[in-house]
PDB file of N, CA and C in Angstrom:
ATOM      1  N   MET A   1       0.838  -1.181   0.000  1.00  0.00           N
ATOM      2  CA  MET A   1       0.000   0.000   0.000  1.00  0.00           C
ATOM      3  C   MET A   1       0.888   1.252   0.000  1.00  0.00           C
ATOM      4  N   ILE A   2       0.534   2.240  -0.820  1.00  0.00           N
ATOM      5  CA  ILE A   2       1.308   3.483  -0.925  1.00  0.00           C
ATOM      6  C   ILE A   2       0.813   4.471   0.126  1.00  0.00           C
ATOM      7  N   SER A   3       1.751   5.055   0.854  1.00  0.00           N
ATOM      8  CA  SER A   3       1.373   5.993   1.915  1.00  0.00           C
ATOM      9  C   SER A   3       0.899   7.319   1.327  1.00  0.00           C
ATOM     10  N   GLN A   4       0.143   8.051   2.125  1.00  0.00           N
ATOM     11  CA  GLN A   4      -0.343   9.365   1.691  1.00  0.00           C
ATOM     12  C   GLN A   4       0.815  10.338   1.506  1.00  0.00           C
ATOM     13  N   ASP A   5       1.841  10.232   2.360  1.00  0.00           N
ATOM     14  CA  ASP A   5       3.009  11.107   2.218  1.00  0.00           C
ATOM     15  C   ASP A   5       3.686  10.892   0.870  1.00  0.00           C
ATOM     16  N   PHE A   6       3.816   9.630   0.477  1.00  0.00           N
ATOM     17  CA  PHE A   6       4.444   9.326  -0.804  1.00  0.00           C
ATOM     18  C   PHE A   6       3.611   9.888  -1.954  1.00  0.00           C
ATOM     19  N   ARG A   7       2.304   9.724  -1.885  1.00  0.00           N
ATOM     20  CA  ARG A   7       1.416  10.258  -2.931  1.00  0.00           C
ATOM     21  C   ARG A   7       1.554  11.770  -3.031  1.00  0.00           C
ATOM     22  N   PHE A   8       1.621  12.431  -1.875  1.00  0.00           N
ATOM     23  CA  PHE A   8       1.754  13.886  -1.855  1.00  0.00           C
ATOM     24  C   PHE A   8       3.091  14.303  -2.471  1.00  0.00           C
ATOM     25  N   GLN A   9       4.168  13.593  -2.127  1.00  0.00           N
ATOM     26  CA  GLN A   9       5.480  13.907  -2.691  1.00  0.00           C
ATOM     27  C   GLN A   9       5.493  13.666  -4.195  1.00  0.00           C
ATOM     28  N   LEU A  10       4.854  12.612  -4.628  1.00  0.00           N
ATOM     29  CA  LEU A  10       4.766  12.314  -6.049  1.00  0.00           C
ATOM     30  C   LEU A  10       4.009  13.417  -6.777  1.00  0.00           C
ATOM     31  N   LEU A  11       2.906  13.866  -6.209  1.00  0.00           N
ATOM     32  CA  LEU A  11       2.123  14.944  -6.805  1.00  0.00           C
ATOM     33  C   LEU A  11       2.939  16.226  -6.880  1.00  0.00           C
ATOM     34  N   LEU A  12       3.645  16.568  -5.811  1.00  0.00           N
ATOM     35  CA  LEU A  12       4.486  17.769  -5.822  1.00  0.00           C
ATOM     36  C   LEU A  12       5.568  17.665  -6.891  1.00  0.00           C
ATOM     37  N   GLY A  13       6.164  16.488  -7.025  1.00  0.00           N
ATOM     38  CA  GLY A  13       7.184  16.283  -8.050  1.00  0.00           C
ATOM     39  C   GLY A  13       6.625  16.471  -9.449  1.00  0.00           C
ATOM     40  N   GLU A  14       5.437  15.944  -9.693  1.00  0.00           N
ATOM     41  CA  GLU A  14       4.803  16.094 -11.007  1.00  0.00           C
ATOM     42  C   GLU A  14       4.450  17.551 -11.278  1.00  0.00           C
ATOM     43  N   LEU A  15       3.942  18.256 -10.277  1.00  0.00           N
ATOM     44  CA  LEU A  15       3.609  19.672 -10.449  1.00  0.00           C
ATOM     45  C   LEU A  15       4.856  20.496 -10.728  1.00  0.00           C
ATOM     46  N   PHE A  16       5.940  20.215 -10.012  1.00  0.00           N
ATOM     47  CA  PHE A  16       7.193  20.931 -10.232  1.00  0.00           C
ATOM     48  C   PHE A  16       7.695  20.686 -11.651  1.00  0.00           C
ATOM     49  N   PHE A  17       7.674  19.421 -12.097  1.00  0.00           N
ATOM     50  CA  PHE A  17       8.111  19.076 -13.449  1.00  0.00           C
ATOM     51  C   PHE A  17       7.268  19.812 -14.490  1.00  0.00           C
ATOM     52  N   PHE A  18       5.951  19.845 -14.289  1.00  0.00           N
ATOM     53  CA  PHE A  18       5.039  20.537 -15.197  1.00  0.00           C
ATOM     54  C   PHE A  18       5.356  22.029 -15.241  1.00  0.00           C
ATOM     55  N   PHE A  19       5.552  22.645 -14.064  1.00  0.00           N
ATOM     56  CA  PHE A  19       5.831  24.079 -13.977  1.00  0.00           C
ATOM     57  C   PHE A  19       7.145  24.426 -14.680  1.00  0.00           C
ATOM     58  N   VAL A  20       8.185  23.645 -14.431  1.00  0.00           N
ATOM     59  CA  VAL A  20       9.487  23.910 -15.046  1.00  0.00           C
ATOM     60  C   VAL A  20       9.394  23.765 -16.559  1.00  0.00           C
ATOM     61  N   ASN A  21       8.710  22.739 -17.039  1.00  0.00           N
ATOM     62  CA  ASN A  21       8.572  22.557 -18.484  1.00  0.00           C
ATOM     63  C   ASN A  21       7.811  23.703 -19.128  1.00  0.00           C
ATOM     64  N   TRP A  22       6.768  24.216 -18.475  1.00  0.00           N
ATOM     65  CA  TRP A  22       6.030  25.348 -19.029  1.00  0.00           C
ATOM     66  C   TRP A  22       6.896  26.593 -19.074  1.00  0.00           C
ATOM     67  N   GLN A  23       7.733  26.791 -18.052  1.00  0.00           N
ATOM     68  CA  GLN A  23       8.638  27.941 -18.067  1.00  0.00           C
ATOM     69  C   GLN A  23       9.623  27.830 -19.224  1.00  0.00           C
ATOM     70  N   LEU A  24      10.183  26.649 -19.430  1.00  0.00           N
ATOM     71  CA  LEU A  24      11.129  26.458 -20.528  1.00  0.00           C
ATOM     72  C   LEU A  24      10.453  26.658 -21.874  1.00  0.00           C
ATOM     73  N   LEU A  25       9.240  26.165 -22.007  1.00  0.00           N
ATOM     74  CA  LEU A  25       8.497  26.340 -23.248  1.00  0.00           C
ATOM     75  C   LEU A  25       8.247  27.820 -23.509  1.00  0.00           C
ATOM     76  N   GLY A  26       7.829  28.550 -22.472  1.00  0.00           N
ATOM     77  CA  GLY A  26       7.585  29.982 -22.621  1.00  0.00           C
ATOM     78  C   GLY A  26       8.835  30.727 -23.042  1.00  0.00           C
ATOM     79  N   LYS A  27       9.962  30.379 -22.451  1.00  0.00           N
ATOM     80  CA  LYS A  27      11.229  31.031 -22.805  1.00  0.00           C
ATOM     81  C   LYS A  27      11.598  30.738 -24.253  1.00  0.00           C
ATOM     82  N   ARG A  28      11.456  29.489 -24.662  1.00  0.00           N
ATOM     83  CA  ARG A  28      11.797  29.125 -26.048  1.00  0.00           C
ATOM     84  C   ARG A  28      10.877  29.814 -27.055  1.00  0.00           C
ATOM     85  N   LEU A  29       9.599  29.890 -26.735  1.00  0.00           N
ATOM     86  CA  LEU A  29       8.670  30.583 -27.632  1.00  0.00           C
ATOM     87  C   LEU A  29       9.039  32.054 -27.763  1.00  0.00           C
ATOM     88  N   LEU A  30       9.368  32.690 -26.647  1.00  0.00           N
ATOM     89  CA  LEU A  30       9.756  34.099 -26.677  1.00  0.00           C
ATOM     90  C   LEU A  30      11.045  34.285 -27.473  1.00  0.00           C
ATOM     91  N   GLU A  31      12.022  33.407 -27.273  1.00  0.00           N
ATOM     92  CA  GLU A  31      13.272  33.487 -28.038  1.00  0.00           C
ATOM     93  C   GLU A  31      12.999  33.365 -29.534  1.00  0.00           C
ATOM     94  N   ASN A  32      12.126  32.436 -29.912  1.00  0.00           N
ATOM     95  CA  ASN A  32      11.787  32.267 -31.328  1.00  0.00           C
ATOM     96  C   ASN A  32      11.084  33.492 -31.887  1.00  0.00           C
ATOM     97  N   CYS A  33      10.180  34.085 -31.111  1.00  0.00           N
ATOM     98  CA  CYS A  33       9.485  35.299 -31.559  1.00  0.00           C
ATOM     99  C   CYS A  33      10.472  36.439 -31.774  1.00  0.00           C
ATOM    100  N   ILE A  34      11.411  36.591 -30.852  1.00  0.00           N
ATOM    101  CA  ILE A  34      12.416  37.648 -30.982  1.00  0.00           C
ATOM    102  C   ILE A  34      13.293  37.401 -32.207  1.00  0.00           C
ATOM    103  N   ASP A  35      13.748  36.169 -32.393  1.00  0.00           N
ATOM    104  CA  ASP A  35      14.587  35.839 -33.551  1.00  0.00           C
ATOM    105  C   ASP A  35      13.859  36.102 -34.865  1.00  0.00           C
ATOM    106  N   GLU A  36      12.614  35.658 -34.967  1.00  0.00           N
ATOM    107  CA  GLU A  36      11.843  35.870 -36.194  1.00  0.00           C
ATOM    108  C   GLU A  36      11.573  37.358 -36.429  1.00  0.00           C
ATOM    109  N   SER A  37      11.352  38.095 -35.356  1.00  0.00           N
ATOM    110  CA  SER A  37      11.133  39.537 -35.482  1.00  0.00           C
ATOM    111  C   SER A  37      12.375  40.217 -36.034  1.00  0.00           C
ATOM    112  N   LYS A  38      13.538  39.839 -35.529  1.00  0.00           N
ATOM    113  CA  LYS A  38      14.799  40.409 -36.027  1.00  0.00           C
ATOM    114  C   LYS A  38      14.977  40.105 -37.509  1.00  0.00           C
ATOM    115  N   LYS A  39      14.717  38.853 -37.902  1.00  0.00           N
ATOM    116  CA  LYS A  39      14.854  38.453 -39.304  1.00  0.00           C
ATOM    117  C   LYS A  39      13.910  39.233 -40.207  1.00  0.00           C
ATOM    118  N   SER A  40      12.754  39.622 -39.666  1.00  0.00           N
ATOM    119  CA  SER A  40      11.744  40.342 -40.447  1.00  0.00           C
ATOM    120  C   SER A  40      11.974  41.846 -40.443  1.00  0.00           C
ATOM    121  N   GLY A  41      13.008  42.310 -39.746  1.00  0.00           N
ATOM    122  CA  GLY A  41      13.311  43.734 -39.730  1.00  0.00           C
ATOM    123  C   GLY A  41      12.589  44.527 -38.657  1.00  0.00           C
ATOM    124  N   VAL A  42      11.930  43.843 -37.739  1.00  0.00           N
ATOM    125  CA  VAL A  42      11.240  44.533 -36.646  1.00  0.00           C
ATOM    126  C   VAL A  42      12.294  45.169 -35.749  1.00  0.00           C
ATOM    127  N   LYS A  43      12.044  46.411 -35.339  1.00  0.00           N
ATOM    128  CA  LYS A  43      13.010  47.139 -34.516  1.00  0.00           C
ATOM    129  C   LYS A  43      12.626  47.218 -33.044  1.00  0.00           C
ATOM    130  N   ARG A  44      11.357  46.983 -32.729  1.00  0.00           N
ATOM    131  CA  ARG A  44      10.908  47.103 -31.342  1.00  0.00           C
ATOM    132  C   ARG A  44       9.710  46.195 -31.122  1.00  0.00           C
ATOM    133  N   ILE A  45       9.656  45.588 -29.945  1.00  0.00           N
ATOM    134  CA  ILE A  45       8.523  44.740 -29.565  1.00  0.00           C
ATOM    135  C   ILE A  45       7.921  45.314 -28.293  1.00  0.00           C
ATOM    136  N   TRP A  46       6.604  45.472 -28.277  1.00  0.00           N
ATOM    137  CA  TRP A  46       5.884  45.895 -27.075  1.00  0.00           C
ATOM    138  C   TRP A  46       5.031  44.735 -26.588  1.00  0.00           C
ATOM    139  N   LEU A  47       4.846  44.674 -25.280  1.00  0.00           N
ATOM    140  CA  LEU A  47       3.931  43.683 -24.732  1.00  0.00           C
ATOM    141  C   LEU A  47       3.407  44.156 -23.389  1.00  0.00           C
ATOM    142  N   HIS A  48       2.292  43.588 -22.980  1.00  0.00           N
ATOM    143  CA  HIS A  48       1.743  43.802 -21.642  1.00  0.00           C
ATOM    144  C   HIS A  48       2.140  42.585 -20.820  1.00  0.00           C
ATOM    145  N   ALA A  49       2.862  42.811 -19.737  1.00  0.00           N
ATOM    146  CA  ALA A  49       3.391  41.707 -18.937  1.00  0.00           C
ATOM    147  C   ALA A  49       2.583  41.513 -17.667  1.00  0.00           C
ATOM    148  N   SER A  50       2.283  40.267 -17.371  1.00  0.00           N
ATOM    149  CA  SER A  50       1.703  39.943 -16.068  1.00  0.00           C
ATOM    150  C   SER A  50       2.829  39.977 -15.035  1.00  0.00           C
ATOM    151  N   GLU A  51       2.465  40.022 -13.774  1.00  0.00           N
ATOM    152  CA  GLU A  51       3.492  40.003 -12.725  1.00  0.00           C
ATOM    153  C   GLU A  51       4.315  38.722 -12.797  1.00  0.00           C
ATOM    154  N   ASP A  52       3.666  37.621 -13.140  1.00  0.00           N
ATOM    155  CA  ASP A  52       4.381  36.341 -13.231  1.00  0.00           C
ATOM    156  C   ASP A  52       5.352  36.309 -14.410  1.00  0.00           C
ATOM    157  N   GLY A  53       4.982  36.953 -15.506  1.00  0.00           N
ATOM    158  CA  GLY A  53       5.821  36.917 -16.699  1.00  0.00           C
ATOM    159  C   GLY A  53       6.916  37.963 -16.738  1.00  0.00           C
ATOM    160  N   GLU A  54       6.772  39.010 -15.935  1.00  0.00           N
ATOM    161  CA  GLU A  54       7.721  40.127 -15.994  1.00  0.00           C
ATOM    162  C   GLU A  54       9.180  39.717 -15.780  1.00  0.00           C
ATOM    163  N   PRO A  55       9.502  38.836 -14.825  1.00  0.00           N
ATOM    164  CA  PRO A  55      10.913  38.456 -14.663  1.00  0.00           C
ATOM    165  C   PRO A  55      11.523  37.825 -15.925  1.00  0.00           C
ATOM    166  N   LEU A  56      10.755  37.009 -16.620  1.00  0.00           N
ATOM    167  CA  LEU A  56      11.254  36.403 -17.854  1.00  0.00           C
ATOM    168  C   LEU A  56      11.518  37.475 -18.898  1.00  0.00           C
ATOM    169  N   TYR A  57      10.583  38.407 -19.064  1.00  0.00           N
ATOM    170  CA  TYR A  57      10.760  39.457 -20.063  1.00  0.00           C
ATOM    171  C   TYR A  57      11.975  40.319 -19.742  1.00  0.00           C
ATOM    172  N   ARG A  58      12.167  40.650 -18.468  1.00  0.00           N
ATOM    173  CA  ARG A  58      13.354  41.422 -18.064  1.00  0.00           C
ATOM    174  C   ARG A  58      14.637  40.651 -18.404  1.00  0.00           C
ATOM    175  N   LYS A  59      14.628  39.368 -18.111  1.00  0.00           N
ATOM    176  CA  LYS A  59      15.795  38.532 -18.388  1.00  0.00           C
ATOM    177  C   LYS A  59      16.107  38.506 -19.881  1.00  0.00           C
ATOM    178  N   MET A  60      15.076  38.620 -20.709  1.00  0.00           N
ATOM    179  CA  MET A  60      15.250  38.590 -22.155  1.00  0.00           C
ATOM    180  C   MET A  60      15.573  39.968 -22.732  1.00  0.00           C
ATOM    181  N   GLY A  61      15.651  41.001 -21.863  1.00  0.00           N
ATOM    182  CA  GLY A  61      16.069  42.321 -22.322  1.00  0.00           C
ATOM    183  C   GLY A  61      14.978  43.363 -22.406  1.00  0.00           C
ATOM    184  N   PHE A  62      13.739  43.009 -22.090  1.00  0.00           N
ATOM    185  CA  PHE A  62      12.648  43.978 -22.116  1.00  0.00           C
ATOM    186  C   PHE A  62      12.799  44.958 -20.957  1.00  0.00           C
ATOM    187  N   THR A  63      12.361  46.187 -21.170  1.00  0.00           N
ATOM    188  CA  THR A  63      12.366  47.208 -20.123  1.00  0.00           C
ATOM    189  C   THR A  63      10.963  47.777 -19.970  1.00  0.00           C
ATOM    190  N   ASN A  64      10.690  48.371 -18.813  1.00  0.00           N
ATOM    191  CA  ASN A  64       9.365  48.948 -18.565  1.00  0.00           C
ATOM    192  C   ASN A  64       9.178  50.256 -19.318  1.00  0.00           C
ATOM    193  N   LYS A  65       7.974  50.442 -19.839  1.00  0.00           N
ATOM    194  CA  LYS A  65       7.561  51.699 -20.446  1.00  0.00           C
ATOM    195  C   LYS A  65       6.096  51.867 -20.080  1.00  0.00           C
ATOM    196  N   ASP A  66       5.835  52.705 -19.085  1.00  0.00           N
ATOM    197  CA  ASP A  66       4.488  52.886 -18.541  1.00  0.00           C
ATOM    198  C   ASP A  66       3.952  51.520 -18.101  1.00  0.00           C
ATOM    199  N   SER A  67       2.782  51.130 -18.616  1.00  0.00           N
ATOM    200  CA  SER A  67       2.211  49.834 -18.228  1.00  0.00           C
ATOM    201  C   SER A  67       2.652  48.717 -19.173  1.00  0.00           C
ATOM    202  N   GLU A  68       3.504  49.057 -20.134  1.00  0.00           N
ATOM    203  CA  GLU A  68       3.975  48.074 -21.101  1.00  0.00           C
ATOM    204  C   GLU A  68       5.450  47.788 -20.866  1.00  0.00           C
ATOM    205  N   MET A  69       5.932  46.797 -21.556  1.00  0.00           N
ATOM    206  CA  MET A  69       7.368  46.535 -21.608  1.00  0.00           C
ATOM    207  C   MET A  69       7.758  46.577 -23.070  1.00  0.00           C
ATOM    208  N   GLU A  70       9.015  46.965 -23.348  1.00  0.00           N
ATOM    209  CA  GLU A  70       9.463  47.030 -24.731  1.00  0.00           C
ATOM    210  C   GLU A  70      10.875  46.483 -24.846  1.00  0.00           C
ATOM    211  N   LEU A  71      11.205  46.051 -26.053  1.00  0.00           N
ATOM    212  CA  LEU A  71      12.528  45.537 -26.357  1.00  0.00           C
ATOM    213  C   LEU A  71      12.955  46.146 -27.677  1.00  0.00           C
ATOM    214  N   PHE A  72      14.084  46.858 -27.679  1.00  0.00           N
ATOM    215  CA  PHE A  72      14.650  47.377 -28.920  1.00  0.00           C
ATOM    216  C   PHE A  72      15.547  46.306 -29.517  1.00  0.00           C
ATOM    217  N   LEU A  73      15.339  46.007 -30.785  1.00  0.00           N
ATOM    218  CA  LEU A  73      16.116  44.946 -31.449  1.00  0.00           C
ATOM    219  C   LEU A  73      17.273  45.528 -32.227  1.00  0.00           C
TER     220      LEU A  73
END
């Protein structure tokens, strides 16, 4: 019989794995968008960032502009 503690640890492990994979996917998608924008001659990208997403955008070079964030390419 599997203990409740083990089930809880297993669930936490699965949630952590899911969360990390979604973060990596989000980063890769953003990198691809930036790369394609550069290839297309785009000079600036604007976006509205949630509080959860803002650290990723900052890490990728975006800066705050009023309620938006922008990245000069």
